[in-house]
């Protein structure tokens, strides 16, 4: 049975003809402890810490998952 975990959220802001994309990206700890995962927000030159709640409550355009063995 496959298990997937959310690794990134792409958000589009703007109209169909014009807009901007930003990303929320998860970074795993070396031991893969999901509760110790960190999220970052990126937008052009901006890279800053974000929370899991920010990523999950964003208006997602695309979601990226990773298949795991657990």
PDB file of N, CA and C in Angstrom:
ATOM      1  N   UNK A   1       0.842  -1.180   0.000  1.00  0.00           N
ATOM      2  CA  UNK A   1       0.000   0.000   0.000  1.00  0.00           C
ATOM      3  C   UNK A   1       0.889   1.246   0.000  1.00  0.00           C
ATOM      4  N   UNK A   2       0.638   2.129  -0.895  1.00  0.00           N
ATOM      5  CA  UNK A   2       1.430   3.360  -1.035  1.00  0.00           C
ATOM      6  C   UNK A   2       0.962   4.417  -0.042  1.00  0.00           C
ATOM      7  N   UNK A   3       1.930   5.123   0.505  1.00  0.00           N
ATOM      8  CA  UNK A   3       1.658   6.265   1.386  1.00  0.00           C
ATOM      9  C   UNK A   3       2.381   7.462   0.791  1.00  0.00           C
ATOM     10  N   UNK A   4       1.703   8.582   0.747  1.00  0.00           N
ATOM     11  CA  UNK A   4       2.275   9.792   0.175  1.00  0.00           C
ATOM     12  C   UNK A   4       2.281  10.894   1.217  1.00  0.00           C
ATOM     13  N   UNK A   5       3.314  11.743   1.164  1.00  0.00           N
ATOM     14  CA  UNK A   5       3.333  12.893   2.066  1.00  0.00           C
ATOM     15  C   UNK A   5       3.555  14.166   1.252  1.00  0.00           C
ATOM     16  N   UNK A   6       2.862  15.203   1.679  1.00  0.00           N
ATOM     17  CA  UNK A   6       2.939  16.491   1.000  1.00  0.00           C
ATOM     18  C   UNK A   6       4.323  17.094   1.190  1.00  0.00           C
ATOM     19  N   UNK A   7       4.961  17.472   0.075  1.00  0.00           N
ATOM     20  CA  UNK A   7       6.312  18.026   0.129  1.00  0.00           C
ATOM     21  C   UNK A   7       6.370  19.488  -0.303  1.00  0.00           C
ATOM     22  N   UNK A   8       5.432  19.926  -1.162  1.00  0.00           N
ATOM     23  CA  UNK A   8       5.463  21.319  -1.619  1.00  0.00           C
ATOM     24  C   UNK A   8       4.075  21.756  -2.068  1.00  0.00           C
ATOM     25  N   UNK A   9       3.822  23.038  -1.890  1.00  0.00           N
ATOM     26  CA  UNK A   9       2.572  23.663  -2.322  1.00  0.00           C
ATOM     27  C   UNK A   9       2.943  24.869  -3.178  1.00  0.00           C
ATOM     28  N   UNK A  10       2.446  24.888  -4.406  1.00  0.00           N
ATOM     29  CA  UNK A  10       2.648  26.027  -5.296  1.00  0.00           C
ATOM     30  C   UNK A  10       1.374  26.862  -5.259  1.00  0.00           C
ATOM     31  N   UNK A  11       1.536  28.164  -5.092  1.00  0.00           N
ATOM     32  CA  UNK A  11       0.401  29.090  -5.009  1.00  0.00           C
ATOM     33  C   UNK A  11       0.529  30.107  -6.138  1.00  0.00           C
ATOM     34  N   UNK A  12      -0.566  30.327  -6.870  1.00  0.00           N
ATOM     35  CA  UNK A  12      -0.588  31.356  -7.913  1.00  0.00           C
ATOM     36  C   UNK A  12      -1.389  32.539  -7.405  1.00  0.00           C
ATOM     37  N   UNK A  13      -0.795  33.721  -7.512  1.00  0.00           N
ATOM     38  CA  UNK A  13      -1.493  34.946  -7.122  1.00  0.00           C
ATOM     39  C   UNK A  13      -1.635  35.819  -8.357  1.00  0.00           C
ATOM     40  N   UNK A  14      -2.819  36.327  -8.586  1.00  0.00           N
ATOM     41  CA  UNK A  14      -3.047  37.181  -9.742  1.00  0.00           C
ATOM     42  C   UNK A  14      -4.133  36.613 -10.634  1.00  0.00           C
ATOM     43  N   UNK A  15      -4.169  37.114 -11.852  1.00  0.00           N
ATOM     44  CA  UNK A  15      -5.202  36.705 -12.795  1.00  0.00           C
ATOM     45  C   UNK A  15      -4.666  35.613 -13.728  1.00  0.00           C
ATOM     46  N   UNK A  16      -5.522  35.155 -14.612  1.00  0.00           N
ATOM     47  CA  UNK A  16      -5.125  34.154 -15.596  1.00  0.00           C
ATOM     48  C   UNK A  16      -4.067  34.721 -16.541  1.00  0.00           C
ATOM     49  N   UNK A  17      -4.193  35.986 -16.888  1.00  0.00           N
ATOM     50  CA  UNK A  17      -3.266  36.619 -17.824  1.00  0.00           C
ATOM     51  C   UNK A  17      -1.985  37.127 -17.182  1.00  0.00           C
ATOM     52  N   UNK A  18      -2.013  37.337 -15.884  1.00  0.00           N
ATOM     53  CA  UNK A  18      -0.866  37.925 -15.211  1.00  0.00           C
ATOM     54  C   UNK A  18      -0.848  37.417 -13.778  1.00  0.00           C
ATOM     55  N   UNK A  19       0.307  37.188 -13.241  1.00  0.00           N
ATOM     56  CA  UNK A  19       0.351  36.725 -11.868  1.00  0.00           C
ATOM     57  C   UNK A  19       1.751  36.361 -11.428  1.00  0.00           C
ATOM     58  N   UNK A  20       1.796  35.721 -10.281  1.00  0.00           N
ATOM     59  CA  UNK A  20       3.062  35.394  -9.642  1.00  0.00           C
ATOM     60  C   UNK A  20       2.894  34.075  -8.897  1.00  0.00           C
ATOM     61  N   UNK A  21       3.932  33.254  -8.899  1.00  0.00           N
ATOM     62  CA  UNK A  21       3.920  31.976  -8.196  1.00  0.00           C
ATOM     63  C   UNK A  21       4.842  32.045  -6.976  1.00  0.00           C
ATOM     64  N   UNK A  22       4.388  31.453  -5.882  1.00  0.00           N
ATOM     65  CA  UNK A  22       5.207  31.299  -4.691  1.00  0.00           C
ATOM     66  C   UNK A  22       5.135  29.835  -4.264  1.00  0.00           C
ATOM     67  N   UNK A  23       6.073  29.443  -3.413  1.00  0.00           N
ATOM     68  CA  UNK A  23       6.153  28.040  -3.008  1.00  0.00           C
ATOM     69  C   UNK A  23       6.303  27.909  -1.504  1.00  0.00           C
ATOM     70  N   UNK A  24       5.601  26.921  -0.961  1.00  0.00           N
ATOM     71  CA  UNK A  24       5.831  26.450   0.400  1.00  0.00           C
ATOM     72  C   UNK A  24       6.469  25.075   0.247  1.00  0.00           C
ATOM     73  N   UNK A  25       7.623  24.864   0.875  1.00  0.00           N
ATOM     74  CA  UNK A  25       8.382  23.619   0.680  1.00  0.00           C
ATOM     75  C   UNK A  25       8.750  23.015   2.015  1.00  0.00           C
ATOM     76  N   UNK A  26       8.522  21.712   2.143  1.00  0.00           N
ATOM     77  CA  UNK A  26       8.862  20.985   3.370  1.00  0.00           C
ATOM     78  C   UNK A  26      10.297  20.462   3.284  1.00  0.00           C
ATOM     79  N   UNK A  27      11.000  20.563   4.401  1.00  0.00           N
ATOM     80  CA  UNK A  27      12.326  19.976   4.521  1.00  0.00           C
ATOM     81  C   UNK A  27      12.296  18.996   5.677  1.00  0.00           C
ATOM     82  N   UNK A  28      12.702  17.771   5.403  1.00  0.00           N
ATOM     83  CA  UNK A  28      12.687  16.703   6.397  1.00  0.00           C
ATOM     84  C   UNK A  28      13.932  16.746   7.266  1.00  0.00           C
ATOM     85  N   UNK A  29      13.792  16.264   8.472  1.00  0.00           N
ATOM     86  CA  UNK A  29      14.950  16.058   9.330  1.00  0.00           C
ATOM     87  C   UNK A  29      15.662  14.790   8.858  1.00  0.00           C
ATOM     88  N   UNK A  30      16.900  14.598   9.224  1.00  0.00           N
ATOM     89  CA  UNK A  30      17.618  13.397   8.779  1.00  0.00           C
ATOM     90  C   UNK A  30      16.923  12.092   9.166  1.00  0.00           C
ATOM     91  N   UNK A  31      16.188  12.098  10.259  1.00  0.00           N
ATOM     92  CA  UNK A  31      15.527  10.876  10.713  1.00  0.00           C
ATOM     93  C   UNK A  31      14.130  10.728  10.137  1.00  0.00           C
ATOM     94  N   UNK A  32      13.671  11.700   9.366  1.00  0.00           N
ATOM     95  CA  UNK A  32      12.361  11.608   8.727  1.00  0.00           C
ATOM     96  C   UNK A  32      11.189  11.773   9.659  1.00  0.00           C
ATOM     97  N   UNK A  33      11.402  12.397  10.804  1.00  0.00           N
ATOM     98  CA  UNK A  33      10.329  12.632  11.758  1.00  0.00           C
ATOM     99  C   UNK A  33       9.418  13.731  11.228  1.00  0.00           C
ATOM    100  N   UNK A  34       8.202  13.357  10.847  1.00  0.00           N
ATOM    101  CA  UNK A  34       7.278  14.311  10.235  1.00  0.00           C
ATOM    102  C   UNK A  34       6.978  15.497  11.150  1.00  0.00           C
ATOM    103  N   UNK A  35       6.949  15.282  12.456  1.00  0.00           N
ATOM    104  CA  UNK A  35       6.641  16.366  13.388  1.00  0.00           C
ATOM    105  C   UNK A  35       7.796  17.358  13.507  1.00  0.00           C
ATOM    106  N   UNK A  36       8.989  16.959  13.080  1.00  0.00           N
ATOM    107  CA  UNK A  36      10.153  17.847  13.130  1.00  0.00           C
ATOM    108  C   UNK A  36      10.419  18.499  11.776  1.00  0.00           C
ATOM    109  N   UNK A  37       9.537  18.282  10.800  1.00  0.00           N
ATOM    110  CA  UNK A  37       9.711  18.893   9.485  1.00  0.00           C
ATOM    111  C   UNK A  37       9.663  20.401   9.580  1.00  0.00           C
ATOM    112  N   UNK A  38      10.406  21.047   8.712  1.00  0.00           N
ATOM    113  CA  UNK A  38      10.399  22.510   8.617  1.00  0.00           C
ATOM    114  C   UNK A  38       9.791  22.887   7.268  1.00  0.00           C
ATOM    115  N   UNK A  39       9.106  24.005   7.245  1.00  0.00           N
ATOM    116  CA  UNK A  39       8.543  24.535   6.004  1.00  0.00           C
ATOM    117  C   UNK A  39       9.192  25.882   5.710  1.00  0.00           C
ATOM    118  N   UNK A  40       9.419  26.167   4.439  1.00  0.00           N
ATOM    119  CA  UNK A  40       9.905  27.484   4.031  1.00  0.00           C
ATOM    120  C   UNK A  40       8.990  28.040   2.943  1.00  0.00           C
ATOM    121  N   UNK A  41       8.972  29.338   2.861  1.00  0.00           N
ATOM    122  CA  UNK A  41       8.216  30.081   1.856  1.00  0.00           C
ATOM    123  C   UNK A  41       9.237  30.726   0.928  1.00  0.00           C
ATOM    124  N   UNK A  42       9.041  30.602  -0.375  1.00  0.00           N
ATOM    125  CA  UNK A  42       9.938  31.246  -1.335  1.00  0.00           C
ATOM    126  C   UNK A  42       9.140  32.042  -2.356  1.00  0.00           C
ATOM    127  N   UNK A  43       9.648  33.218  -2.673  1.00  0.00           N
ATOM    128  CA  UNK A  43       9.059  34.100  -3.670  1.00  0.00           C
ATOM    129  C   UNK A  43      10.174  34.980  -4.220  1.00  0.00           C
ATOM    130  N   UNK A  44      10.617  34.677  -5.427  1.00  0.00           N
ATOM    131  CA  UNK A  44      11.740  35.386  -6.040  1.00  0.00           C
ATOM    132  C   UNK A  44      12.946  35.360  -5.095  1.00  0.00           C
ATOM    133  N   UNK A  45      13.375  36.517  -4.595  1.00  0.00           N
ATOM    134  CA  UNK A  45      14.546  36.571  -3.724  1.00  0.00           C
ATOM    135  C   UNK A  45      14.221  36.297  -2.263  1.00  0.00           C
ATOM    136  N   UNK A  46      12.955  36.183  -1.921  1.00  0.00           N
ATOM    137  CA  UNK A  46      12.543  36.000  -0.526  1.00  0.00           C
ATOM    138  C   UNK A  46      12.527  34.512  -0.180  1.00  0.00           C
ATOM    139  N   UNK A  47      13.223  34.163   0.881  1.00  0.00           N
ATOM    140  CA  UNK A  47      13.188  32.813   1.440  1.00  0.00           C
ATOM    141  C   UNK A  47      13.066  32.992   2.943  1.00  0.00           C
ATOM    142  N   UNK A  48      11.959  32.496   3.513  1.00  0.00           N
ATOM    143  CA  UNK A  48      11.755  32.676   4.946  1.00  0.00           C
ATOM    144  C   UNK A  48      11.040  31.475   5.542  1.00  0.00           C
ATOM    145  N   UNK A  49      11.176  31.334   6.828  1.00  0.00           N
ATOM    146  CA  UNK A  49      10.518  30.238   7.539  1.00  0.00           C
ATOM    147  C   UNK A  49       9.004  30.400   7.428  1.00  0.00           C
ATOM    148  N   UNK A  50       8.330  29.283   7.326  1.00  0.00           N
ATOM    149  CA  UNK A  50       6.868  29.272   7.280  1.00  0.00           C
ATOM    150  C   UNK A  50       6.379  28.150   8.191  1.00  0.00           C
ATOM    151  N   UNK A  51       5.117  28.174   8.499  1.00  0.00           N
ATOM    152  CA  UNK A  51       4.553  27.113   9.335  1.00  0.00           C
ATOM    153  C   UNK A  51       3.811  26.112   8.454  1.00  0.00           C
ATOM    154  N   UNK A  52       3.617  24.945   9.006  1.00  0.00           N
ATOM    155  CA  UNK A  52       2.820  23.923   8.319  1.00  0.00           C
ATOM    156  C   UNK A  52       1.409  24.448   8.056  1.00  0.00           C
ATOM    157  N   UNK A  53       0.849  25.170   9.019  1.00  0.00           N
ATOM    158  CA  UNK A  53      -0.494  25.722   8.865  1.00  0.00           C
ATOM    159  C   UNK A  53      -0.576  26.725   7.714  1.00  0.00           C
ATOM    160  N   UNK A  54       0.477  27.529   7.542  1.00  0.00           N
ATOM    161  CA  UNK A  54       0.492  28.467   6.410  1.00  0.00           C
ATOM    162  C   UNK A  54       0.438  27.708   5.092  1.00  0.00           C
ATOM    163  N   UNK A  55       1.223  26.670   4.987  1.00  0.00           N
ATOM    164  CA  UNK A  55       1.248  25.877   3.750  1.00  0.00           C
ATOM    165  C   UNK A  55      -0.099  25.207   3.501  1.00  0.00           C
ATOM    166  N   UNK A  56      -0.673  24.631   4.538  1.00  0.00           N
ATOM    167  CA  UNK A  56      -1.931  23.904   4.372  1.00  0.00           C
ATOM    168  C   UNK A  56      -3.137  24.813   4.155  1.00  0.00           C
ATOM    169  N   UNK A  57      -3.060  26.048   4.614  1.00  0.00           N
ATOM    170  CA  UNK A  57      -4.202  26.953   4.451  1.00  0.00           C
ATOM    171  C   UNK A  57      -4.078  27.852   3.221  1.00  0.00           C
ATOM    172  N   UNK A  58      -2.980  27.717   2.482  1.00  0.00           N
ATOM    173  CA  UNK A  58      -2.802  28.543   1.283  1.00  0.00           C
ATOM    174  C   UNK A  58      -3.752  28.073   0.175  1.00  0.00           C
ATOM    175  N   UNK A  59      -3.959  28.919  -0.785  1.00  0.00           N
ATOM    176  CA  UNK A  59      -4.828  28.596  -1.921  1.00  0.00           C
ATOM    177  C   UNK A  59      -3.967  27.887  -2.979  1.00  0.00           C
ATOM    178  N   UNK A  60      -3.866  26.585  -2.870  1.00  0.00           N
ATOM    179  CA  UNK A  60      -2.945  25.797  -3.685  1.00  0.00           C
ATOM    180  C   UNK A  60      -3.318  25.790  -5.159  1.00  0.00           C
ATOM    181  N   UNK A  61      -2.301  25.914  -5.992  1.00  0.00           N
ATOM    182  CA  UNK A  61      -2.429  25.768  -7.443  1.00  0.00           C
ATOM    183  C   UNK A  61      -1.945  24.377  -7.853  1.00  0.00           C
ATOM    184  N   UNK A  62      -0.838  23.943  -7.254  1.00  0.00           N
ATOM    185  CA  UNK A  62      -0.298  22.608  -7.483  1.00  0.00           C
ATOM    186  C   UNK A  62       0.223  22.048  -6.159  1.00  0.00           C
ATOM    187  N   UNK A  63       0.087  20.736  -5.997  1.00  0.00           N
ATOM    188  CA  UNK A  63       0.605  20.045  -4.819  1.00  0.00           C
ATOM    189  C   UNK A  63       1.611  19.001  -5.278  1.00  0.00           C
ATOM    190  N   UNK A  64       2.703  18.871  -4.546  1.00  0.00           N
ATOM    191  CA  UNK A  64       3.724  17.873  -4.856  1.00  0.00           C
ATOM    192  C   UNK A  64       3.840  16.907  -3.683  1.00  0.00           C
ATOM    193  N   UNK A  65       3.725  15.615  -3.990  1.00  0.00           N
ATOM    194  CA  UNK A  65       3.800  14.584  -2.983  1.00  0.00           C
ATOM    195  C   UNK A  65       4.997  13.688  -3.224  1.00  0.00           C
ATOM    196  N   UNK A  66       5.469  13.058  -2.153  1.00  0.00           N
ATOM    197  CA  UNK A  66       6.537  12.083  -2.235  1.00  0.00           C
ATOM    198  C   UNK A  66       6.004  10.747  -1.732  1.00  0.00           C
ATOM    199  N   UNK A  67       6.257   9.707  -2.496  1.00  0.00           N
ATOM    200  CA  UNK A  67       5.836   8.376  -2.065  1.00  0.00           C
ATOM    201  C   UNK A  67       6.805   7.863  -1.004  1.00  0.00           C
ATOM    202  N   UNK A  68       6.260   7.352   0.087  1.00  0.00           N
ATOM    203  CA  UNK A  68       7.092   6.854   1.176  1.00  0.00           C
ATOM    204  C   UNK A  68       6.788   5.389   1.435  1.00  0.00           C
ATOM    205  N   UNK A  69       7.633   4.768   2.192  1.00  0.00           N
ATOM    206  CA  UNK A  69       7.440   3.351   2.504  1.00  0.00           C
ATOM    207  C   UNK A  69       6.636   3.141   3.784  1.00  0.00           C
ATOM    208  N   UNK A  70       6.405   4.201   4.532  1.00  0.00           N
ATOM    209  CA  UNK A  70       5.657   4.044   5.775  1.00  0.00           C
ATOM    210  C   UNK A  70       4.226   4.421   5.620  1.00  0.00           C
TER     211      UNK A  70
END
